[in-house]
Amino acid sequence: MSPFPYKSPLEGYENLPPLDSEARNPDGKSLVNPPAEKLSDAYVTFPEPIIKTNNGFDFHIYYMPSSPDESKFAKELHERIRREFPELRIYRFWDKAVGPHPTAMFEVNTFTPHQTGAFFSWLAVNRGPCSVLIHPNTDDALKDHTELATWMGRPWPLNIPTLGFVSRGSSSLTA
């Protein structure tokens, strides 16, 4: 058994002919990919181990409450998201650090890969000075917030010890 804890991303694609790494598309830069029989299931269903019975992803939008301009922007962003994406679950606007989050923030949940991609791309160009912690929801809150997380903007250090006590469905962040 390998000490490397990750299974191969090629699992299920074994014994296929090698890909041509020289053939280029008309742009002269990108590689020609073999045609697929169908689109990836990841376009419509979250992959394992993401929990499918609740929201797939959390977006935690961080701002600095000590900056009046950034606080105003974050409040306006919160309102805009509520108006533009009413189908998403949007939590209260915190003006202080809460849970593992080291600064003020608000949280937005997405429920489908389509929502996640649409909100991600919208937030990438509209987040302004705010940083965003994005993570899937599996059965491991610590791993979700660390190893599986990604950031837009400047990453913030999390208060990791609080994650050992967060269980799915009973987060103190919804208070």
Protein backbone atom coordinates (compact mmCIF):
# COMPACT_ATOMS: atom_id res chain seq x y z
CA MET A 1 0.00 0.00 0.00
CA SER A 2 1.28 3.44 -0.93
CA PRO A 3 1.83 6.05 1.81
CA PHE A 4 0.38 8.59 -0.69
CA PRO A 5 -3.23 9.03 0.53
CA TYR A 6 -4.85 9.92 -2.80
CA LYS A 7 -6.33 7.51 -5.29
CA SER A 8 -5.37 8.02 -8.92
CA PRO A 9 -7.48 10.60 -10.78
CA LEU A 10 -7.33 8.16 -13.72
CA GLU A 11 -9.37 5.53 -11.85
CA GLY A 12 -11.94 4.29 -14.37
CA TYR A 13 -9.82 5.46 -17.31
CA GLU A 14 -7.24 2.67 -17.20
CA ASN A 15 -6.10 0.83 -20.35
CA LEU A 16 -7.09 3.61 -22.74
CA PRO A 17 -4.80 4.60 -25.63
CA PRO A 18 -2.33 7.39 -24.81
CA LEU A 19 -3.45 10.97 -25.47
CA ASP A 20 -1.74 12.92 -28.23
CA SER A 21 0.18 15.71 -26.51
CA GLU A 22 1.25 17.35 -29.78
CA ALA A 23 -2.05 17.83 -31.68
CA ARG A 24 -3.33 21.40 -31.32
CA ASN A 25 -6.70 23.05 -31.83
CA PRO A 26 -7.02 25.88 -34.39
CA ASP A 27 -5.88 28.41 -31.77
CA GLY A 28 -2.45 26.74 -32.03
CA LYS A 29 -2.13 26.51 -28.23
CA SER A 30 -4.72 24.23 -26.66
CA LEU A 31 -4.58 20.47 -26.99
CA VAL A 32 -7.03 18.38 -29.01
CA ASN A 33 -9.04 16.18 -26.65
CA PRO A 34 -10.69 12.93 -27.64
CA PRO A 35 -14.47 13.16 -28.08
CA ALA A 36 -16.54 11.98 -25.10
CA GLU A 37 -19.62 9.78 -25.34
CA LYS A 38 -21.43 12.17 -22.96
CA LEU A 39 -20.78 15.18 -20.75
CA SER A 40 -19.27 14.53 -17.35
CA ASP A 41 -21.78 13.74 -14.60
CA ALA A 42 -20.04 16.50 -12.58
CA TYR A 43 -22.04 19.05 -14.59
CA VAL A 44 -25.25 17.94 -12.86
CA THR A 45 -24.27 15.95 -9.74
CA PHE A 46 -21.65 16.70 -7.11
CA PRO A 47 -18.93 14.03 -6.97
CA GLU A 48 -18.37 11.84 -3.92
CA PRO A 49 -17.77 12.51 -1.06
CA ILE A 50 -19.80 15.74 -1.28
CA ILE A 51 -23.04 15.31 0.66
CA LYS A 52 -25.98 15.51 -1.72
CA THR A 53 -28.75 15.79 0.89
CA ASN A 54 -27.89 19.38 1.83
CA ASN A 55 -25.90 22.14 0.19
CA GLY A 56 -22.85 21.11 -1.80
CA PHE A 57 -20.68 24.18 -1.26
CA ASP A 58 -20.26 27.03 1.23
CA PHE A 59 -18.93 30.41 0.19
CA HIS A 60 -17.72 32.46 3.18
CA ILE A 61 -17.25 36.09 2.12
CA TYR A 62 -14.77 37.80 4.47
CA TYR A 63 -14.30 41.51 5.03
CA MET A 64 -12.46 43.72 7.51
CA PRO A 65 -14.99 45.36 9.87
CA SER A 66 -12.37 47.93 10.90
CA SER A 67 -12.44 49.38 7.36
CA PRO A 68 -15.55 51.53 6.83
CA ASP A 69 -15.20 51.34 3.04
CA GLU A 70 -14.78 47.55 3.02
CA SER A 71 -17.66 47.09 5.49
CA LYS A 72 -19.94 49.22 3.30
CA PHE A 73 -18.90 47.28 0.20
CA ALA A 74 -19.50 43.93 1.94
CA LYS A 75 -22.99 45.01 3.09
CA GLU A 76 -23.83 46.11 -0.44
CA LEU A 77 -22.45 42.83 -1.84
CA HIS A 78 -24.59 40.87 0.64
CA GLU A 79 -27.70 42.75 -0.50
CA ARG A 80 -26.83 42.31 -4.19
CA ILE A 81 -26.36 38.55 -3.75
CA ARG A 82 -29.72 38.29 -1.96
CA ARG A 83 -31.39 40.13 -4.83
CA GLU A 84 -29.56 38.44 -7.73
CA PHE A 85 -29.42 34.89 -6.33
CA PRO A 86 -32.57 34.47 -4.17
CA GLU A 87 -32.56 30.70 -4.81
CA LEU A 88 -29.31 30.33 -2.86
CA ARG A 89 -29.24 30.06 0.94
CA ILE A 90 -27.78 33.30 2.28
CA TYR A 91 -27.08 33.77 5.97
CA ARG A 92 -26.95 36.84 8.15
CA PHE A 93 -24.27 39.49 7.86
CA TRP A 94 -21.81 39.03 10.74
CA ASP A 95 -19.87 42.06 11.97
CA LYS A 96 -17.44 39.95 14.02
CA ALA A 97 -15.45 36.72 13.79
CA VAL A 98 -17.56 33.59 14.30
CA GLY A 99 -16.70 29.88 14.48
CA PRO A 100 -13.50 29.06 12.60
CA HIS A 101 -13.69 32.33 10.65
CA PRO A 102 -11.13 34.90 11.85
CA THR A 103 -12.96 38.03 10.71
CA ALA A 104 -16.44 39.30 9.93
CA MET A 105 -18.19 37.48 7.09
CA PHE A 106 -21.39 36.18 5.59
CA GLU A 107 -22.11 32.77 4.12
CA VAL A 108 -23.80 31.65 0.91
CA ASN A 109 -24.70 28.01 0.12
CA THR A 110 -25.11 26.45 -3.33
CA PHE A 111 -27.05 23.26 -4.01
CA THR A 112 -26.10 22.18 -7.54
CA PRO A 113 -22.95 22.18 -9.66
CA HIS A 114 -24.73 24.64 -11.98
CA GLN A 115 -25.39 27.09 -9.13
CA THR A 116 -21.85 26.63 -7.81
CA GLY A 117 -20.26 27.43 -11.16
CA ALA A 118 -22.55 30.39 -11.87
CA PHE A 119 -22.04 31.91 -8.40
CA PHE A 120 -18.28 31.25 -8.47
CA SER A 121 -17.84 33.07 -11.79
CA TRP A 122 -20.09 35.97 -10.73
CA LEU A 123 -18.28 36.34 -7.39
CA ALA A 124 -14.84 36.21 -9.04
CA VAL A 125 -15.54 39.50 -10.81
CA ASN A 126 -17.82 41.14 -8.22
CA ARG A 127 -16.23 40.36 -4.82
CA GLY A 128 -14.25 43.62 -4.72
CA PRO A 129 -11.87 43.76 -1.73
CA CYS A 130 -13.48 40.77 -0.01
CA SER A 131 -11.76 37.41 0.33
CA VAL A 132 -13.82 34.25 -0.15
CA LEU A 133 -13.29 30.83 1.43
CA ILE A 134 -15.00 28.21 -0.74
CA HIS A 135 -15.37 24.62 0.42
CA PRO A 136 -17.43 21.53 -0.30
CA ASN A 137 -19.49 19.85 2.40
CA THR A 138 -18.50 16.26 3.10
CA ASP A 139 -18.67 14.42 6.40
CA ASP A 140 -15.35 15.96 7.51
CA ALA A 141 -15.61 19.65 8.49
CA LEU A 142 -11.87 19.94 9.19
CA LYS A 143 -10.89 18.57 5.78
CA ASP A 144 -13.60 20.66 4.07
CA HIS A 145 -12.21 23.91 5.52
CA THR A 146 -8.53 23.05 4.95
CA GLU A 147 -7.47 20.41 2.43
CA LEU A 148 -10.55 20.71 0.18
CA ALA A 149 -10.95 24.50 0.45
CA THR A 150 -9.98 27.10 -2.11
CA TRP A 151 -9.74 30.87 -1.89
CA MET A 152 -10.58 33.95 -3.91
CA GLY A 153 -8.40 36.83 -2.82
CA ARG A 154 -6.18 36.77 0.22
CA PRO A 155 -6.45 33.61 2.37
CA TRP A 156 -7.09 34.08 6.08
CA PRO A 157 -5.86 31.71 8.81
CA LEU A 158 -8.76 29.75 10.28
CA ASN A 159 -9.43 29.00 13.93
CA ILE A 160 -8.95 25.28 13.32
CA PRO A 161 -9.71 23.94 16.86
CA THR A 162 -13.36 25.01 16.52
CA LEU A 163 -13.80 22.67 13.53
CA GLY A 164 -13.47 19.57 15.68
CA PHE A 165 -16.80 20.43 17.30
CA VAL A 166 -18.82 21.33 14.18
CA SER A 167 -21.16 18.56 13.10
CA ARG A 168 -23.23 18.70 9.94
CA GLY A 169 -26.66 20.18 10.44
CA SER A 170 -25.85 21.84 13.76
CA SER A 171 -23.52 24.68 12.82
CA SER A 172 -23.47 27.66 15.15
CA LEU A 173 -23.06 29.89 12.10
CA THR A 174 -26.79 29.87 11.43
CA ALA A 175 -27.66 31.59 14.72
